[in-house]
């Protein structure tokens, strides 16, 4: 089940009023490491897609990137996952996707042709997470920290000095 509207990524269907209001309401100052940025200052449009080019997307106002070490992300990627959030109304895509449920409330979105992992979706949230490795140009985004480190695999250590949280930070990630 897709919770955001497909459309032309370059235009984002003219940007609907909800997206414009979301950007205006949640536009923060640029965050520093350990602080949360809900949306980048300019409300910049980021584009990306899968390996084969069948799925292309546009996202207005991505939040900064977080590294997730939960068991769902580890099983989907073989390691931890880097992702940035976006309001559903500020995301648009073209091309056929397939969805794989990973729990009663979450699923991953893949290109139906080449199986590139593109999205993480929590059905009860007003945003989705875009996999950072599929964003064409991440200029303007920064990594803010690590979440679910209480679930990380024991074969590696986190040594980059970024903030670490056993689950979600109290102040959220978006």
Protein backbone atom coordinates (compact mmCIF):
# COMPACT_ATOMS: atom_id res chain seq x y z
CA UNK A 1 0.00 0.00 0.00
CA UNK A 2 1.49 3.35 -1.03
CA UNK A 3 0.83 6.26 1.32
CA UNK A 4 2.22 9.05 -0.87
CA UNK A 5 1.25 10.14 -4.31
CA UNK A 6 3.02 9.05 -7.47
CA UNK A 7 3.69 11.84 -9.96
CA UNK A 8 6.32 13.67 -11.92
CA UNK A 9 9.38 13.97 -9.66
CA UNK A 10 10.75 17.18 -11.22
CA UNK A 11 7.57 19.09 -10.48
CA UNK A 12 6.12 17.27 -7.48
CA UNK A 13 2.67 17.93 -8.97
CA UNK A 14 3.10 21.66 -8.37
CA UNK A 15 3.81 21.09 -4.63
CA UNK A 16 0.60 20.74 -2.70
CA UNK A 17 -0.40 23.20 0.04
CA UNK A 18 0.24 20.67 2.82
CA UNK A 19 3.88 20.35 1.76
CA UNK A 20 4.33 24.12 1.58
CA UNK A 21 2.76 24.50 5.05
CA UNK A 22 4.91 21.68 6.43
CA UNK A 23 8.09 23.34 5.18
CA UNK A 24 7.04 26.77 6.47
CA UNK A 25 6.01 25.37 9.88
CA UNK A 26 9.02 23.15 10.53
CA UNK A 27 11.86 25.14 8.93
CA UNK A 28 14.60 25.20 11.63
CA UNK A 29 17.97 26.84 11.83
CA UNK A 30 20.77 24.59 10.55
CA UNK A 31 21.32 21.91 13.19
CA UNK A 32 24.67 20.88 14.63
CA UNK A 33 25.72 17.28 15.34
CA UNK A 34 23.42 15.83 17.97
CA UNK A 35 20.64 18.34 17.25
CA UNK A 36 17.60 17.54 15.16
CA UNK A 37 16.82 19.30 11.87
CA UNK A 38 13.28 18.64 10.67
CA UNK A 39 13.84 20.08 7.19
CA UNK A 40 16.74 21.83 5.53
CA UNK A 41 16.60 25.62 5.55
CA UNK A 42 15.87 26.11 1.85
CA UNK A 43 13.24 23.39 1.52
CA UNK A 44 15.50 22.04 -1.25
CA UNK A 45 14.25 19.38 -3.65
CA UNK A 46 16.38 16.23 -3.63
CA UNK A 47 16.09 13.65 -6.39
CA UNK A 48 17.16 10.05 -6.59
CA UNK A 49 16.24 6.63 -7.82
CA UNK A 50 17.10 3.00 -8.31
CA UNK A 51 20.03 1.35 -10.16
CA UNK A 52 18.10 0.62 -13.36
CA UNK A 53 16.38 4.00 -13.58
CA UNK A 54 12.80 2.69 -13.57
CA UNK A 55 11.99 4.43 -10.27
CA UNK A 56 12.80 8.12 -9.86
CA UNK A 57 11.72 10.30 -6.96
CA UNK A 58 11.76 13.85 -5.69
CA UNK A 59 11.61 14.88 -2.04
CA UNK A 60 11.23 18.45 -0.83
CA UNK A 61 12.92 19.26 2.46
CA UNK A 62 14.62 16.05 3.52
CA UNK A 63 15.70 15.91 7.15
CA UNK A 64 19.34 15.21 7.82
CA UNK A 65 20.63 11.64 7.66
CA UNK A 66 20.54 9.19 10.57
CA UNK A 67 22.23 5.80 10.78
CA UNK A 68 19.82 3.09 11.98
CA UNK A 69 21.17 -0.08 13.60
CA UNK A 70 17.83 -1.84 14.31
CA UNK A 71 17.36 -5.49 13.36
CA UNK A 72 14.95 -4.58 10.51
CA UNK A 73 17.49 -2.31 8.82
CA UNK A 74 20.36 -4.73 9.44
CA UNK A 75 18.45 -7.63 7.89
CA UNK A 76 17.49 -5.56 4.83
CA UNK A 77 20.97 -4.22 4.15
CA UNK A 78 23.41 -6.62 5.79
CA UNK A 79 24.71 -3.76 7.98
CA UNK A 80 23.20 -0.51 9.26
CA UNK A 81 21.05 1.81 7.14
CA UNK A 82 21.51 5.52 6.33
CA UNK A 83 18.23 7.36 5.72
CA UNK A 84 16.66 10.82 5.65
CA UNK A 85 13.01 11.58 6.41
CA UNK A 86 10.50 13.55 4.37
CA UNK A 87 6.82 14.41 4.85
CA UNK A 88 4.65 12.13 2.73
CA UNK A 89 3.06 15.12 1.01
CA UNK A 90 6.54 16.33 0.00
CA UNK A 91 7.52 13.08 -1.75
CA UNK A 92 6.67 11.97 -5.26
CA UNK A 93 7.86 9.12 -7.47
CA UNK A 94 7.51 7.56 -10.90
CA UNK A 95 7.97 3.89 -11.75
CA UNK A 96 6.70 0.66 -10.28
CA UNK A 97 7.66 -0.23 -6.71
CA UNK A 98 7.05 -3.31 -4.62
CA UNK A 99 6.62 -3.31 -0.86
CA UNK A 100 7.82 -5.90 1.65
CA UNK A 101 6.27 -5.89 5.12
CA UNK A 102 8.84 -6.16 7.89
CA UNK A 103 6.43 -5.75 10.79
CA UNK A 104 2.75 -5.01 11.34
CA UNK A 105 3.41 -1.26 10.91
CA UNK A 106 6.54 -0.98 8.75
CA UNK A 107 7.70 -1.98 5.29
CA UNK A 108 10.51 -1.40 2.82
CA UNK A 109 9.95 -0.08 -0.72
CA UNK A 110 12.00 -1.53 -3.59
CA UNK A 111 12.19 -0.98 -7.34
CA UNK A 112 9.99 -3.69 -8.86
CA UNK A 113 12.54 -4.29 -11.63
CA UNK A 114 16.06 -4.13 -10.10
CA UNK A 115 15.20 -4.58 -6.38
CA UNK A 116 17.05 -1.45 -5.23
CA UNK A 117 16.03 -0.62 -1.66
CA UNK A 118 14.60 2.93 -1.81
CA UNK A 119 12.30 3.63 1.15
CA UNK A 120 11.42 2.71 4.70
CA UNK A 121 7.80 3.28 5.63
CA UNK A 122 6.11 3.41 9.03
CA UNK A 123 2.38 3.32 8.35
CA UNK A 124 1.51 5.37 11.45
CA UNK A 125 3.90 8.28 10.77
CA UNK A 126 3.37 11.37 8.60
CA UNK A 127 6.76 10.92 6.98
CA UNK A 128 8.75 8.24 5.18
CA UNK A 129 12.49 7.60 5.10
CA UNK A 130 14.50 7.79 1.88
CA UNK A 131 17.58 5.56 1.74
CA UNK A 132 20.51 7.98 1.56
CA UNK A 133 22.60 5.92 -0.87
CA UNK A 134 19.97 6.45 -3.59
CA UNK A 135 19.88 10.26 -3.36
CA UNK A 136 21.58 11.76 -6.44
CA UNK A 137 23.28 14.60 -4.57
CA UNK A 138 23.32 14.80 -0.77
CA UNK A 139 24.90 18.28 -0.62
CA UNK A 140 23.31 20.16 2.26
CA UNK A 141 22.51 17.04 4.30
CA UNK A 142 24.57 15.93 7.29
CA UNK A 143 24.66 12.79 9.38
CA UNK A 144 23.20 13.62 12.81
CA UNK A 145 23.73 10.41 14.72
CA UNK A 146 23.02 6.73 15.30
CA UNK A 147 19.68 5.28 16.38
CA UNK A 148 18.84 1.86 17.81
CA UNK A 149 22.45 1.21 18.80
CA UNK A 150 21.09 -1.07 21.52
CA UNK A 151 20.22 -3.45 18.65
CA UNK A 152 23.45 -3.14 16.67
CA UNK A 153 25.44 -6.20 15.75
CA UNK A 154 28.40 -6.92 18.02
CA UNK A 155 30.95 -7.29 15.20
CA UNK A 156 31.60 -3.54 14.86
CA UNK A 157 32.11 -0.48 17.03
CA UNK A 158 30.79 3.02 16.41
CA UNK A 159 33.77 5.36 16.63
CA UNK A 160 32.78 8.44 14.61
CA UNK A 161 31.91 10.59 17.65
CA UNK A 162 28.30 11.21 16.55
CA UNK A 163 25.53 10.96 19.16
CA UNK A 164 24.20 7.45 19.84
CA UNK A 165 20.71 6.49 21.01
CA UNK A 166 19.36 3.11 22.14
CA UNK A 167 16.09 3.88 20.32
CA UNK A 168 14.76 7.16 18.90
CA UNK A 169 16.10 10.35 20.48
CA UNK A 170 13.58 11.91 22.86
CA UNK A 171 13.38 14.96 20.58
CA UNK A 172 12.86 12.76 17.49
CA UNK A 173 14.83 12.46 14.28
CA UNK A 174 12.74 14.64 11.97
